[in-house]
Amino acid sequence: MEHNFLELIEPTPTLKSKKCQIGASLLAFLLNYLTLIISLTAWYLYDYFIAGATLLITFLVIGIIRSKLRNDVIPLNQREFHYTDKAIASWYFSKKIC
């Protein structure tokens, strides 16, 4: 009888220093809300049409950035799982910066 077990996955890392935690929280905040902030700024400065176009463009750009960060730091056998922006930021800061 053949046993098919999943490989052990590495848990999302916990950041120990306060600087890394703040940086990961800031990155997660920007990944979540930068699209909205830029679109509302464009709406305030210009008009609805420019704000709508800005919303679509920043949605695509932030999605590409999120995807690049995710594929750069999360191990290959764990990429099919869903990760939140906070988890992606934690992985990024633990692997690349801290």
N, C-alpha and C. Protein backbone atom coordinates (compact mmCIF):
# COMPACT_ATOMS: atom_id res chain seq x y z
N MET A 1 0.84 -1.18 0.00
CA MET A 1 0.00 0.00 0.00
C MET A 1 0.88 1.24 0.00
N GLU A 2 0.53 2.16 -0.83
CA GLU A 2 1.34 3.35 -0.98
C GLU A 2 0.78 4.47 -0.10
N HIS A 3 1.68 5.13 0.60
CA HIS A 3 1.28 6.23 1.48
C HIS A 3 1.63 7.55 0.82
N ASN A 4 0.65 8.37 0.61
CA ASN A 4 0.88 9.70 0.05
C ASN A 4 0.67 10.73 1.15
N PHE A 5 1.76 11.20 1.69
CA PHE A 5 1.69 12.21 2.74
C PHE A 5 2.14 13.54 2.17
N LEU A 6 1.52 14.58 2.65
CA LEU A 6 1.96 15.92 2.28
C LEU A 6 3.30 16.20 2.94
N GLU A 7 4.13 16.92 2.24
CA GLU A 7 5.39 17.33 2.83
C GLU A 7 5.10 18.33 3.95
N LEU A 8 5.97 18.35 4.93
CA LEU A 8 5.81 19.32 6.01
C LEU A 8 6.02 20.71 5.46
N ILE A 9 5.12 21.59 5.82
CA ILE A 9 5.25 22.96 5.33
C ILE A 9 5.83 23.83 6.43
N GLU A 10 6.56 24.82 6.00
CA GLU A 10 7.18 25.76 6.92
C GLU A 10 6.13 26.78 7.34
N PRO A 11 5.95 27.02 8.64
CA PRO A 11 4.94 28.00 9.06
C PRO A 11 5.38 29.42 8.71
N THR A 12 4.42 30.31 8.69
CA THR A 12 4.72 31.72 8.45
C THR A 12 5.63 32.22 9.57
N PRO A 13 6.76 32.81 9.22
CA PRO A 13 7.72 33.20 10.26
C PRO A 13 7.21 34.32 11.15
N THR A 14 7.65 34.29 12.39
CA THR A 14 7.33 35.37 13.32
C THR A 14 8.56 36.26 13.42
N LEU A 15 8.33 37.54 13.35
CA LEU A 15 9.42 38.51 13.40
C LEU A 15 9.72 38.87 14.84
N LYS A 16 11.00 38.88 15.19
CA LYS A 16 11.38 39.09 16.58
C LYS A 16 11.67 40.54 16.92
N SER A 17 12.30 41.27 16.02
CA SER A 17 12.64 42.66 16.35
C SER A 17 11.47 43.59 16.04
N LYS A 18 11.43 44.67 16.77
CA LYS A 18 10.34 45.65 16.60
C LYS A 18 10.43 46.34 15.25
N LYS A 19 11.65 46.59 14.78
CA LYS A 19 11.84 47.24 13.48
C LYS A 19 11.27 46.38 12.36
N CYS A 20 11.50 45.07 12.42
CA CYS A 20 10.98 44.17 11.39
C CYS A 20 9.46 44.07 11.45
N GLN A 21 8.90 44.05 12.65
CA GLN A 21 7.45 43.99 12.80
C GLN A 21 6.78 45.24 12.24
N ILE A 22 7.36 46.39 12.52
CA ILE A 22 6.81 47.64 12.01
C ILE A 22 6.92 47.70 10.50
N GLY A 23 8.06 47.27 9.96
CA GLY A 23 8.24 47.26 8.51
C GLY A 23 7.27 46.32 7.81
N ALA A 24 7.05 45.14 8.39
CA ALA A 24 6.11 44.19 7.81
C ALA A 24 4.67 44.72 7.89
N SER A 25 4.34 45.36 8.99
CA SER A 25 3.00 45.94 9.12
C SER A 25 2.79 47.07 8.12
N LEU A 26 3.82 47.90 7.92
CA LEU A 26 3.72 48.99 6.95
C LEU A 26 3.59 48.45 5.53
N LEU A 27 4.37 47.42 5.19
CA LEU A 27 4.27 46.82 3.87
C LEU A 27 2.90 46.19 3.65
N ALA A 28 2.37 45.50 4.66
CA ALA A 28 1.03 44.90 4.55
C ALA A 28 -0.03 45.99 4.38
N PHE A 29 0.09 47.08 5.12
CA PHE A 29 -0.85 48.20 4.99
C PHE A 29 -0.81 48.77 3.58
N LEU A 30 0.40 48.97 3.05
CA LEU A 30 0.53 49.52 1.70
C LEU A 30 -0.01 48.56 0.65
N LEU A 31 0.22 47.27 0.81
CA LEU A 31 -0.33 46.30 -0.15
C LEU A 31 -1.85 46.29 -0.11
N ASN A 32 -2.42 46.52 1.07
CA ASN A 32 -3.87 46.52 1.21
C ASN A 32 -4.52 47.80 0.70
N TYR A 33 -3.97 48.94 1.07
CA TYR A 33 -4.70 50.20 0.91
C TYR A 33 -4.08 51.21 -0.05
N LEU A 34 -2.94 50.91 -0.66
CA LEU A 34 -2.31 51.88 -1.55
C LEU A 34 -3.17 52.17 -2.77
N THR A 35 -3.86 51.16 -3.29
CA THR A 35 -4.75 51.37 -4.43
C THR A 35 -5.84 52.39 -4.10
N LEU A 36 -6.45 52.22 -2.96
CA LEU A 36 -7.51 53.13 -2.53
C LEU A 36 -6.98 54.54 -2.27
N ILE A 37 -5.83 54.63 -1.63
CA ILE A 37 -5.26 55.94 -1.31
C ILE A 37 -4.92 56.71 -2.58
N ILE A 38 -4.28 56.04 -3.53
CA ILE A 38 -3.91 56.71 -4.77
C ILE A 38 -5.16 57.10 -5.57
N SER A 39 -6.16 56.25 -5.60
CA SER A 39 -7.38 56.55 -6.35
C SER A 39 -8.15 57.72 -5.73
N LEU A 40 -8.25 57.75 -4.42
CA LEU A 40 -8.93 58.87 -3.77
C LEU A 40 -8.16 60.18 -3.95
N THR A 41 -6.85 60.09 -3.97
CA THR A 41 -6.04 61.29 -4.24
C THR A 41 -6.28 61.79 -5.66
N ALA A 42 -6.33 60.87 -6.62
CA ALA A 42 -6.60 61.27 -8.01
C ALA A 42 -8.00 61.84 -8.15
N TRP A 43 -8.97 61.29 -7.42
CA TRP A 43 -10.33 61.81 -7.46
C TRP A 43 -10.38 63.22 -6.88
N TYR A 44 -9.65 63.45 -5.79
CA TYR A 44 -9.63 64.77 -5.17
C TYR A 44 -8.95 65.80 -6.06
N LEU A 45 -7.83 65.40 -6.69
CA LEU A 45 -7.06 66.35 -7.49
C LEU A 45 -7.63 66.55 -8.89
N TYR A 46 -8.24 65.52 -9.47
CA TYR A 46 -8.68 65.61 -10.86
C TYR A 46 -10.19 65.39 -10.95
N ASP A 47 -10.62 64.27 -11.51
CA ASP A 47 -12.06 64.01 -11.64
C ASP A 47 -12.32 62.51 -11.57
N TYR A 48 -13.60 62.14 -11.77
CA TYR A 48 -14.01 60.74 -11.65
C TYR A 48 -13.35 59.83 -12.68
N PHE A 49 -13.24 60.30 -13.91
CA PHE A 49 -12.68 59.48 -14.97
C PHE A 49 -11.21 59.13 -14.69
N ILE A 50 -10.44 60.12 -14.30
CA ILE A 50 -9.03 59.90 -13.98
C ILE A 50 -8.91 58.98 -12.76
N ALA A 51 -9.78 59.17 -11.79
CA ALA A 51 -9.74 58.34 -10.58
C ALA A 51 -10.09 56.89 -10.92
N GLY A 52 -11.04 56.67 -11.81
CA GLY A 52 -11.39 55.30 -12.21
C GLY A 52 -10.25 54.63 -12.96
N ALA A 53 -9.63 55.38 -13.86
CA ALA A 53 -8.49 54.82 -14.60
C ALA A 53 -7.33 54.53 -13.65
N THR A 54 -7.11 55.43 -12.71
CA THR A 54 -6.05 55.23 -11.72
C THR A 54 -6.33 54.02 -10.85
N LEU A 55 -7.58 53.83 -10.47
CA LEU A 55 -7.97 52.67 -9.69
C LEU A 55 -7.63 51.38 -10.42
N LEU A 56 -7.98 51.30 -11.69
CA LEU A 56 -7.70 50.08 -12.45
C LEU A 56 -6.20 49.85 -12.63
N ILE A 57 -5.47 50.90 -12.94
CA ILE A 57 -4.03 50.75 -13.16
C ILE A 57 -3.30 50.38 -11.87
N THR A 58 -3.63 51.06 -10.77
CA THR A 58 -2.94 50.73 -9.52
C THR A 58 -3.34 49.36 -9.00
N PHE A 59 -4.57 48.91 -9.27
CA PHE A 59 -4.98 47.56 -8.90
C PHE A 59 -4.10 46.53 -9.60
N LEU A 60 -3.82 46.75 -10.88
CA LEU A 60 -2.95 45.83 -11.62
C LEU A 60 -1.51 45.90 -11.12
N VAL A 61 -1.00 47.09 -10.90
CA VAL A 61 0.40 47.25 -10.47
C VAL A 61 0.62 46.65 -9.08
N ILE A 62 -0.27 46.93 -8.15
CA ILE A 62 -0.14 46.38 -6.80
C ILE A 62 -0.29 44.86 -6.83
N GLY A 63 -1.16 44.33 -7.68
CA GLY A 63 -1.29 42.88 -7.83
C GLY A 63 -0.01 42.25 -8.36
N ILE A 64 0.65 42.91 -9.30
CA ILE A 64 1.92 42.39 -9.82
C ILE A 64 2.99 42.45 -8.74
N ILE A 65 3.04 43.53 -7.98
CA ILE A 65 4.02 43.65 -6.90
C ILE A 65 3.78 42.57 -5.85
N ARG A 66 2.52 42.36 -5.47
CA ARG A 66 2.17 41.33 -4.49
C ARG A 66 2.58 39.95 -4.99
N SER A 67 2.35 39.68 -6.26
CA SER A 67 2.71 38.39 -6.83
C SER A 67 4.22 38.19 -6.86
N LYS A 68 4.95 39.23 -7.22
CA LYS A 68 6.41 39.13 -7.25
C LYS A 68 6.98 38.91 -5.85
N LEU A 69 6.46 39.62 -4.86
CA LEU A 69 6.91 39.41 -3.48
C LEU A 69 6.61 38.00 -3.03
N ARG A 70 5.42 37.52 -3.32
CA ARG A 70 5.00 36.18 -2.90
C ARG A 70 5.86 35.10 -3.54
N ASN A 71 6.10 35.21 -4.84
CA ASN A 71 6.89 34.18 -5.52
C ASN A 71 8.37 34.27 -5.20
N ASP A 72 8.81 35.41 -4.72
CA ASP A 72 10.22 35.58 -4.40
C ASP A 72 10.61 34.96 -3.06
N VAL A 73 9.71 34.95 -2.09
CA VAL A 73 10.10 34.55 -0.74
C VAL A 73 9.43 33.29 -0.21
N ILE A 74 8.27 32.93 -0.70
CA ILE A 74 7.58 31.75 -0.19
C ILE A 74 8.17 30.51 -0.85
N PRO A 75 8.45 29.46 -0.07
CA PRO A 75 9.04 28.24 -0.65
C PRO A 75 8.17 27.65 -1.76
N LEU A 76 8.84 26.96 -2.67
CA LEU A 76 8.18 26.47 -3.88
C LEU A 76 7.03 25.52 -3.59
N ASN A 77 7.19 24.63 -2.60
CA ASN A 77 6.13 23.65 -2.32
C ASN A 77 4.94 24.25 -1.56
N GLN A 78 5.00 25.52 -1.18
CA GLN A 78 3.91 26.16 -0.45
C GLN A 78 3.22 27.25 -1.24
N ARG A 79 3.57 27.45 -2.46
CA ARG A 79 3.01 28.56 -3.23
C ARG A 79 1.56 28.37 -3.63
N GLU A 80 1.04 27.14 -3.58
CA GLU A 80 -0.35 26.95 -3.98
C GLU A 80 -1.33 27.34 -2.88
N PHE A 81 -0.84 27.58 -1.67
CA PHE A 81 -1.70 27.98 -0.57
C PHE A 81 -1.96 29.49 -0.62
N HIS A 82 -3.07 29.90 -0.05
CA HIS A 82 -3.44 31.31 -0.02
C HIS A 82 -2.74 31.98 1.16
N TYR A 83 -2.15 33.15 0.91
CA TYR A 83 -1.50 33.93 1.96
C TYR A 83 -2.07 35.34 1.96
N THR A 84 -2.25 35.87 3.16
CA THR A 84 -2.71 37.25 3.28
C THR A 84 -1.55 38.20 3.03
N ASP A 85 -1.86 39.48 2.92
CA ASP A 85 -0.82 40.47 2.71
C ASP A 85 0.12 40.55 3.91
N LYS A 86 -0.41 40.36 5.11
CA LYS A 86 0.41 40.36 6.32
C LYS A 86 1.38 39.18 6.30
N ALA A 87 0.92 38.02 5.86
CA ALA A 87 1.80 36.85 5.80
C ALA A 87 2.87 37.03 4.73
N ILE A 88 2.51 37.59 3.59
CA ILE A 88 3.49 37.85 2.53
C ILE A 88 4.54 38.83 3.03
N ALA A 89 4.12 39.87 3.73
CA ALA A 89 5.07 40.85 4.27
C ALA A 89 5.97 40.22 5.33
N SER A 90 5.41 39.33 6.16
CA SER A 90 6.22 38.65 7.17
C SER A 90 7.26 37.75 6.51
N TRP A 91 6.85 37.00 5.50
CA TRP A 91 7.80 36.16 4.77
C TRP A 91 8.89 37.02 4.15
N TYR A 92 8.51 38.13 3.53
CA TYR A 92 9.47 38.99 2.84
C TYR A 92 10.50 39.56 3.84
N PHE A 93 10.01 40.09 4.94
CA PHE A 93 10.93 40.69 5.91
C PHE A 93 11.80 39.64 6.58
N SER A 94 11.27 38.44 6.82
CA SER A 94 12.09 37.43 7.48
C SER A 94 13.14 36.85 6.54
N LYS A 95 12.84 36.73 5.25
CA LYS A 95 13.78 36.13 4.30
C LYS A 95 14.76 37.13 3.72
N LYS A 96 14.34 38.35 3.46
CA LYS A 96 15.16 39.30 2.71
C LYS A 96 15.80 40.38 3.58
N ILE A 97 15.11 40.87 4.58
CA ILE A 97 15.60 42.05 5.29
C ILE A 97 16.12 41.71 6.68
N CYS A 98 15.34 40.99 7.46
CA CYS A 98 15.76 40.71 8.85
C CYS A 98 16.46 39.37 8.98
